[in-house]
Amino acid sequence: MKKLMKIFITSVIALSFCTFNSSVTEAAKKASYLQNTKKVYVFNDFIDGVKRTYNLKYTKKSNGNYFWQDKLSYKEISYAFKEKETTKGLYHDGYLALAYPIKKGKTWKTWSGTVCKTTSTNKTIKVKAGTFKNVIEVTCDHGSPYPGYPEYSKFYYVKSVGKILTKYTYTTNDSKGNKVKDTVTLYELVKLKNR
C-alpha cells in the first residue's frame, strides 16, 4: 500500500510539473510587440512635411502602461506616449493599435470608428534602422473623402521591437485635375541604441 501511495504521489508531482512547464512554455511563445525598454528609439517623423528626429527613452511603468519620452532633441516639440499590452492586443496612448491574436485578416475598430485590419504577418521591411523580417502590417481605412486627410494608413510592427514604420496614403489632384494617390512616410525608425 505504501508503495502504491508513493507511486501515486510521484505521478501527481510529475504531472503537476509537466502542466506548469507547459504553461510556462506557452507564455514564452507569446510574442510581444511592445517597444524594448532596454533600447533608445531614434525615429524621424514627417508631420506637415517637416522632418523631426526624436530619441525616445523608456521612463517608467505605471498601471501596466510603459511610458516613453523624447530627450528633447527637437527644441520646439516634445514627444511622449504610453504603451500597454493585454491579451486583446497592443495599445498605444489608450487605443488598440494591434489586435491579438495576430492573424492575417483580423479586423477591429479604433476609438474613432476607423476599421483596421492585419493585412500581412510576414512582410520584409527596410527602414534606416535596418531590414526586418516577419513584420506585421496593419492597414487602417479612414475612408476620408476630404482633401488633405488620409484615406488609409499602414503601420508596421516587429516582435520585441515595436512599431518601425507608419505610412499615410492620400488622394490628391495632379496638375491636370486627375485624382492620384500620394503615399507619405509619417514615422520611420532610424536607429535602435542600447541605453
C-alpha atoms as a PDB file:
ATOM      1  CA  MET A   1       0.000   0.000   0.000  1.00  0.00           C
ATOM      2  CA  LYS A   2       2.838   2.410   0.878  1.00  0.00           C
ATOM      3  CA  LYS A   3       4.500   1.592  -2.434  1.00  0.00           C
ATOM      4  CA  LEU A   4       1.257   2.344  -4.327  1.00  0.00           C
ATOM      5  CA  MET A   5       0.856   5.616  -2.437  1.00  0.00           C
ATOM      6  CA  LYS A   6       4.466   6.573  -3.254  1.00  0.00           C
ATOM      7  CA  ILE A   7       3.897   5.862  -6.965  1.00  0.00           C
ATOM      8  CA  PHE A   8       0.647   7.857  -6.910  1.00  0.00           C
ATOM      9  CA  ILE A   9       2.251  10.904  -5.227  1.00  0.00           C
ATOM     10  CA  THR A  10       5.273  10.765  -7.556  1.00  0.00           C
ATOM     11  CA  SER A  11       2.929  10.630 -10.575  1.00  0.00           C
ATOM     12  CA  VAL A  12       0.887  13.603  -9.328  1.00  0.00           C
ATOM     13  CA  ILE A  13       4.038  15.658  -8.758  1.00  0.00           C
ATOM     14  CA  ALA A  14       5.409  14.723 -12.190  1.00  0.00           C
ATOM     15  CA  LEU A  15       2.116  15.638 -13.894  1.00  0.00           C
ATOM     16  CA  SER A  16       1.950  18.933 -11.973  1.00  0.00           C
ATOM     17  CA  PHE A  17       5.445  19.823 -13.145  1.00  0.00           C
ATOM     18  CA  CYS A  18       4.594  18.941 -16.752  1.00  0.00           C
ATOM     19  CA  THR A  19       1.456  21.100 -16.619  1.00  0.00           C
ATOM     20  CA  PHE A  20       3.362  24.004 -15.038  1.00  0.00           C
ATOM     21  CA  ASN A  21       6.220  23.610 -17.524  1.00  0.00           C
ATOM     22  CA  SER A  22       3.751  23.538 -20.421  1.00  0.00           C
ATOM     23  CA  SER A  23       2.048  26.769 -19.277  1.00  0.00           C
ATOM     24  CA  VAL A  24       5.447  28.469 -18.911  1.00  0.00           C
ATOM     25  CA  THR A  25       6.340  27.309 -22.430  1.00  0.00           C
ATOM     26  CA  GLU A  26       3.039  28.684 -23.782  1.00  0.00           C
ATOM     27  CA  ALA A  27       3.666  32.031 -22.093  1.00  0.00           C
ATOM     28  CA  ALA A  28       7.172  32.144 -23.560  1.00  0.00           C
ATOM     29  CA  LYS A  29       5.762  31.549 -27.054  1.00  0.00           C
ATOM     30  CA  LYS A  30       3.540  34.650 -26.882  1.00  0.00           C
ATOM     31  CA  ALA A  31       5.179  37.382 -28.882  1.00  0.00           C
ATOM     32  CA  SER A  32       5.319  40.910 -27.543  1.00  0.00           C
ATOM     33  CA  TYR A  33       5.141  43.898 -29.855  1.00  0.00           C
ATOM     34  CA  LEU A  34       5.895  46.421 -27.108  1.00  0.00           C
ATOM     35  CA  GLN A  35       8.972  48.575 -27.569  1.00  0.00           C
ATOM     36  CA  ASN A  36      12.069  47.203 -25.852  1.00  0.00           C
ATOM     37  CA  THR A  37      12.603  49.163 -22.609  1.00  0.00           C
ATOM     38  CA  LYS A  38      16.360  48.478 -22.783  1.00  0.00           C
ATOM     39  CA  LYS A  39      16.694  50.463 -26.023  1.00  0.00           C
ATOM     40  CA  VAL A  40      16.560  54.099 -27.079  1.00  0.00           C
ATOM     41  CA  TYR A  41      14.457  54.538 -30.233  1.00  0.00           C
ATOM     42  CA  VAL A  42      15.652  57.145 -32.701  1.00  0.00           C
ATOM     43  CA  PHE A  43      12.981  57.930 -35.266  1.00  0.00           C
ATOM     44  CA  ASN A  44      12.062  60.561 -37.802  1.00  0.00           C
ATOM     45  CA  ASP A  45       8.571  61.894 -38.190  1.00  0.00           C
ATOM     46  CA  PHE A  46       7.397  63.992 -41.085  1.00  0.00           C
ATOM     47  CA  ILE A  47       4.315  65.774 -39.750  1.00  0.00           C
ATOM     48  CA  ASP A  48       3.292  68.610 -42.081  1.00  0.00           C
ATOM     49  CA  GLY A  49       6.230  67.724 -44.330  1.00  0.00           C
ATOM     50  CA  VAL A  50       8.754  68.838 -41.701  1.00  0.00           C
ATOM     51  CA  LYS A  51      11.335  66.238 -40.712  1.00  0.00           C
ATOM     52  CA  ARG A  52      11.909  65.952 -36.971  1.00  0.00           C
ATOM     53  CA  THR A  53      14.195  63.492 -35.187  1.00  0.00           C
ATOM     54  CA  TYR A  54      13.276  62.128 -31.769  1.00  0.00           C
ATOM     55  CA  ASN A  55      15.157  59.993 -29.258  1.00  0.00           C
ATOM     56  CA  LEU A  56      12.562  58.052 -27.288  1.00  0.00           C
ATOM     57  CA  LYS A  57      13.593  56.630 -23.948  1.00  0.00           C
ATOM     58  CA  TYR A  58      11.562  54.470 -21.568  1.00  0.00           C
ATOM     59  CA  THR A  59      10.806  56.466 -18.409  1.00  0.00           C
ATOM     60  CA  LYS A  60       8.503  54.421 -16.161  1.00  0.00           C
ATOM     61  CA  LYS A  61       5.806  51.771 -15.817  1.00  0.00           C
ATOM     62  CA  SER A  62       2.509  52.602 -14.137  1.00  0.00           C
ATOM     63  CA  ASN A  63      -0.788  50.658 -14.104  1.00  0.00           C
ATOM     64  CA  GLY A  64       0.540  48.326 -16.802  1.00  0.00           C
ATOM     65  CA  ASN A  65       1.471  51.247 -19.084  1.00  0.00           C
ATOM     66  CA  TYR A  66       5.013  51.766 -20.350  1.00  0.00           C
ATOM     67  CA  PHE A  67       5.810  55.473 -20.678  1.00  0.00           C
ATOM     68  CA  TRP A  68       8.219  56.797 -23.313  1.00  0.00           C
ATOM     69  CA  GLN A  69       9.519  60.333 -23.779  1.00  0.00           C
ATOM     70  CA  ASP A  70      11.750  62.252 -26.163  1.00  0.00           C
ATOM     71  CA  LYS A  71      15.081  63.503 -24.858  1.00  0.00           C
ATOM     72  CA  LEU A  72      14.100  66.883 -26.325  1.00  0.00           C
ATOM     73  CA  SER A  73      16.425  66.640 -29.304  1.00  0.00           C
ATOM     74  CA  TYR A  74      13.977  68.751 -31.274  1.00  0.00           C
ATOM     75  CA  LYS A  75      13.636  72.067 -29.415  1.00  0.00           C
ATOM     76  CA  GLU A  76      10.122  73.196 -30.332  1.00  0.00           C
ATOM     77  CA  ILE A  77       8.255  69.942 -29.760  1.00  0.00           C
ATOM     78  CA  SER A  78       8.467  67.263 -27.101  1.00  0.00           C
ATOM     79  CA  TYR A  79       7.073  63.817 -27.796  1.00  0.00           C
ATOM     80  CA  ALA A  80       5.691  61.337 -25.277  1.00  0.00           C
ATOM     81  CA  PHE A  81       3.343  58.350 -25.339  1.00  0.00           C
ATOM     82  CA  LYS A  82       2.368  55.246 -23.428  1.00  0.00           C
ATOM     83  CA  GLU A  83       2.020  51.620 -24.483  1.00  0.00           C
ATOM     84  CA  LYS A  84       0.197  48.741 -22.860  1.00  0.00           C
ATOM     85  CA  GLU A  85      -0.153  45.113 -23.854  1.00  0.00           C
ATOM     86  CA  THR A  86      -3.038  42.838 -22.856  1.00  0.00           C
ATOM     87  CA  THR A  87      -4.437  39.580 -24.194  1.00  0.00           C
ATOM     88  CA  LYS A  88      -6.600  41.729 -26.527  1.00  0.00           C
ATOM     89  CA  GLY A  89      -3.632  43.488 -28.099  1.00  0.00           C
ATOM     90  CA  LEU A  90      -1.139  46.335 -28.102  1.00  0.00           C
ATOM     91  CA  TYR A  91      -2.488  49.709 -27.017  1.00  0.00           C
ATOM     92  CA  HIS A  92      -0.840  52.982 -27.998  1.00  0.00           C
ATOM     93  CA  ASP A  93      -1.985  56.003 -25.966  1.00  0.00           C
ATOM     94  CA  GLY A  94      -5.106  54.077 -24.980  1.00  0.00           C
ATOM     95  CA  TYR A  95      -6.291  52.927 -28.416  1.00  0.00           C
ATOM     96  CA  LEU A  96      -5.999  49.407 -29.813  1.00  0.00           C
ATOM     97  CA  ALA A  97      -3.161  49.594 -32.342  1.00  0.00           C
ATOM     98  CA  LEU A  98      -2.582  45.856 -32.927  1.00  0.00           C
ATOM     99  CA  ALA A  99      -5.228  43.218 -32.133  1.00  0.00           C
ATOM    100  CA  TYR A 100      -4.276  39.824 -30.688  1.00  0.00           C
ATOM    101  CA  PRO A 101      -4.076  37.050 -31.538  1.00  0.00           C
ATOM    102  CA  ILE A 102      -2.244  38.187 -34.631  1.00  0.00           C
ATOM    103  CA  LYS A 103      -3.794  36.603 -37.683  1.00  0.00           C
ATOM    104  CA  LYS A 104      -3.957  37.803 -41.280  1.00  0.00           C
ATOM    105  CA  GLY A 105      -7.424  39.180 -41.988  1.00  0.00           C
ATOM    106  CA  LYS A 106      -8.250  40.044 -38.355  1.00  0.00           C
ATOM    107  CA  THR A 107     -10.225  43.314 -38.125  1.00  0.00           C
ATOM    108  CA  TRP A 108     -11.080  45.733 -35.304  1.00  0.00           C
ATOM    109  CA  LYS A 109     -12.266  49.308 -34.810  1.00  0.00           C
ATOM    110  CA  THR A 110     -10.355  52.127 -33.174  1.00  0.00           C
ATOM    111  CA  TRP A 111     -11.936  54.573 -30.724  1.00  0.00           C
ATOM    112  CA  SER A 112     -12.770  56.882 -33.661  1.00  0.00           C
ATOM    113  CA  GLY A 113     -14.541  54.143 -35.627  1.00  0.00           C
ATOM    114  CA  THR A 114     -11.697  53.614 -38.096  1.00  0.00           C
ATOM    115  CA  VAL A 115     -11.586  49.995 -39.275  1.00  0.00           C
ATOM    116  CA  CYS A 116      -8.150  48.367 -39.036  1.00  0.00           C
ATOM    117  CA  LYS A 117      -7.076  45.015 -40.427  1.00  0.00           C
ATOM    118  CA  THR A 118      -3.985  42.831 -40.153  1.00  0.00           C
ATOM    119  CA  THR A 119      -3.056  42.642 -43.845  1.00  0.00           C
ATOM    120  CA  SER A 120       0.224  40.699 -43.556  1.00  0.00           C
ATOM    121  CA  THR A 121       2.163  38.734 -40.966  1.00  0.00           C
ATOM    122  CA  ASN A 122       5.345  38.110 -42.950  1.00  0.00           C
ATOM    123  CA  LYS A 123       6.452  41.313 -44.682  1.00  0.00           C
ATOM    124  CA  THR A 124      10.112  42.226 -45.085  1.00  0.00           C
ATOM    125  CA  ILE A 125      10.509  45.959 -44.488  1.00  0.00           C
ATOM    126  CA  LYS A 126      13.618  48.088 -44.871  1.00  0.00           C
ATOM    127  CA  VAL A 127      13.946  51.271 -42.808  1.00  0.00           C
ATOM    128  CA  LYS A 128      17.031  53.302 -41.898  1.00  0.00           C
ATOM    129  CA  ALA A 129      17.452  51.196 -38.726  1.00  0.00           C
ATOM    130  CA  GLY A 130      17.797  48.045 -40.852  1.00  0.00           C
ATOM    131  CA  THR A 131      15.848  45.332 -42.635  1.00  0.00           C
ATOM    132  CA  PHE A 132      13.209  43.488 -40.621  1.00  0.00           C
ATOM    133  CA  LYS A 133      11.553  40.178 -41.497  1.00  0.00           C
ATOM    134  CA  ASN A 134       8.214  38.730 -40.375  1.00  0.00           C
ATOM    135  CA  VAL A 135       6.846  42.243 -39.991  1.00  0.00           C
ATOM    136  CA  ILE A 136       3.170  42.644 -39.129  1.00  0.00           C
ATOM    137  CA  GLU A 137       1.332  45.063 -41.439  1.00  0.00           C
ATOM    138  CA  VAL A 138      -1.831  46.779 -40.202  1.00  0.00           C
ATOM    139  CA  THR A 139      -3.959  48.765 -42.654  1.00  0.00           C
ATOM    140  CA  CYS A 140      -6.491  51.254 -41.279  1.00  0.00           C
ATOM    141  CA  ASP A 141      -9.193  52.549 -43.625  1.00  0.00           C
ATOM    142  CA  HIS A 142     -10.069  56.131 -42.722  1.00  0.00           C
ATOM    143  CA  GLY A 143     -12.475  56.399 -45.656  1.00  0.00           C
ATOM    144  CA  SER A 144     -11.783  60.118 -45.865  1.00  0.00           C
ATOM    145  CA  PRO A 145     -13.182  61.834 -48.952  1.00  0.00           C
ATOM    146  CA  TYR A 146     -11.689  65.154 -47.839  1.00  0.00           C
ATOM    147  CA  PRO A 147      -8.564  66.600 -49.462  1.00  0.00           C
ATOM    148  CA  GLY A 148      -5.645  66.694 -47.072  1.00  0.00           C
ATOM    149  CA  TYR A 149      -6.891  63.838 -44.882  1.00  0.00           C
ATOM    150  CA  PRO A 150      -5.519  60.309 -45.208  1.00  0.00           C
ATOM    151  CA  GLU A 151      -7.623  57.728 -46.996  1.00  0.00           C
ATOM    152  CA  TYR A 152      -5.799  54.918 -45.237  1.00  0.00           C
ATOM    153  CA  SER A 153      -2.677  54.318 -43.192  1.00  0.00           C
ATOM    154  CA  LYS A 154      -0.292  51.396 -42.797  1.00  0.00           C
ATOM    155  CA  PHE A 155       1.579  50.541 -39.614  1.00  0.00           C
ATOM    156  CA  TYR A 156       4.433  48.037 -39.387  1.00  0.00           C
ATOM    157  CA  TYR A 157       5.302  46.154 -36.178  1.00  0.00           C
ATOM    158  CA  VAL A 158       8.185  43.835 -35.292  1.00  0.00           C
ATOM    159  CA  LYS A 159       8.256  41.316 -32.453  1.00  0.00           C
ATOM    160  CA  SER A 160      10.287  42.585 -29.456  1.00  0.00           C
ATOM    161  CA  VAL A 161      10.914  45.908 -31.261  1.00  0.00           C
ATOM    162  CA  GLY A 162       7.512  47.563 -31.722  1.00  0.00           C
ATOM    163  CA  LYS A 163       6.438  49.944 -34.473  1.00  0.00           C
ATOM    164  CA  ILE A 164       9.081  50.644 -37.121  1.00  0.00           C
ATOM    165  CA  LEU A 165       7.157  52.490 -39.841  1.00  0.00           C
ATOM    166  CA  THR A 166       3.918  54.394 -40.496  1.00  0.00           C
ATOM    167  CA  LYS A 167       2.712  55.443 -43.957  1.00  0.00           C
ATOM    168  CA  TYR A 168      -0.347  57.505 -44.901  1.00  0.00           C
ATOM    169  CA  THR A 169      -1.987  57.464 -48.315  1.00  0.00           C
ATOM    170  CA  TYR A 170      -3.902  60.494 -49.552  1.00  0.00           C
ATOM    171  CA  THR A 171      -5.959  61.069 -52.671  1.00  0.00           C
ATOM    172  CA  THR A 172      -4.941  64.346 -54.280  1.00  0.00           C
ATOM    173  CA  ASN A 173      -5.324  66.038 -57.643  1.00  0.00           C
ATOM    174  CA  ASP A 174      -2.452  66.315 -60.086  1.00  0.00           C
ATOM    175  CA  SER A 175      -1.788  69.414 -62.219  1.00  0.00           C
ATOM    176  CA  LYS A 176      -4.458  68.298 -64.725  1.00  0.00           C
ATOM    177  CA  GLY A 177      -7.099  67.741 -62.038  1.00  0.00           C
ATOM    178  CA  ASN A 178      -6.860  63.941 -62.111  1.00  0.00           C
ATOM    179  CA  LYS A 179      -7.114  62.114 -58.793  1.00  0.00           C
ATOM    180  CA  VAL A 180      -3.880  60.417 -57.780  1.00  0.00           C
ATOM    181  CA  LYS A 181      -2.768  58.535 -54.694  1.00  0.00           C
ATOM    182  CA  ASP A 182       0.107  60.008 -52.725  1.00  0.00           C
ATOM    183  CA  THR A 183       1.792  57.917 -50.012  1.00  0.00           C
ATOM    184  CA  VAL A 184       3.957  59.635 -47.414  1.00  0.00           C
ATOM    185  CA  THR A 185       6.079  58.285 -44.584  1.00  0.00           C
ATOM    186  CA  LEU A 186       4.902  59.702 -41.285  1.00  0.00           C
ATOM    187  CA  TYR A 187       7.184  57.744 -38.929  1.00  0.00           C
ATOM    188  CA  GLU A 188      10.378  55.773 -39.582  1.00  0.00           C
ATOM    189  CA  LEU A 189      12.710  54.037 -37.148  1.00  0.00           C
ATOM    190  CA  VAL A 190      16.235  55.317 -37.808  1.00  0.00           C
ATOM    191  CA  LYS A 191      18.271  53.610 -35.095  1.00  0.00           C
ATOM    192  CA  LEU A 192      17.974  51.392 -32.015  1.00  0.00           C
ATOM    193  CA  LYS A 193      20.577  52.183 -29.371  1.00  0.00           C
ATOM    194  CA  ASN A 194      21.345  50.449 -26.101  1.00  0.00           C
ATOM    195  CA  ARG A 195      20.531  52.511 -23.012  1.00  0.00           C
END
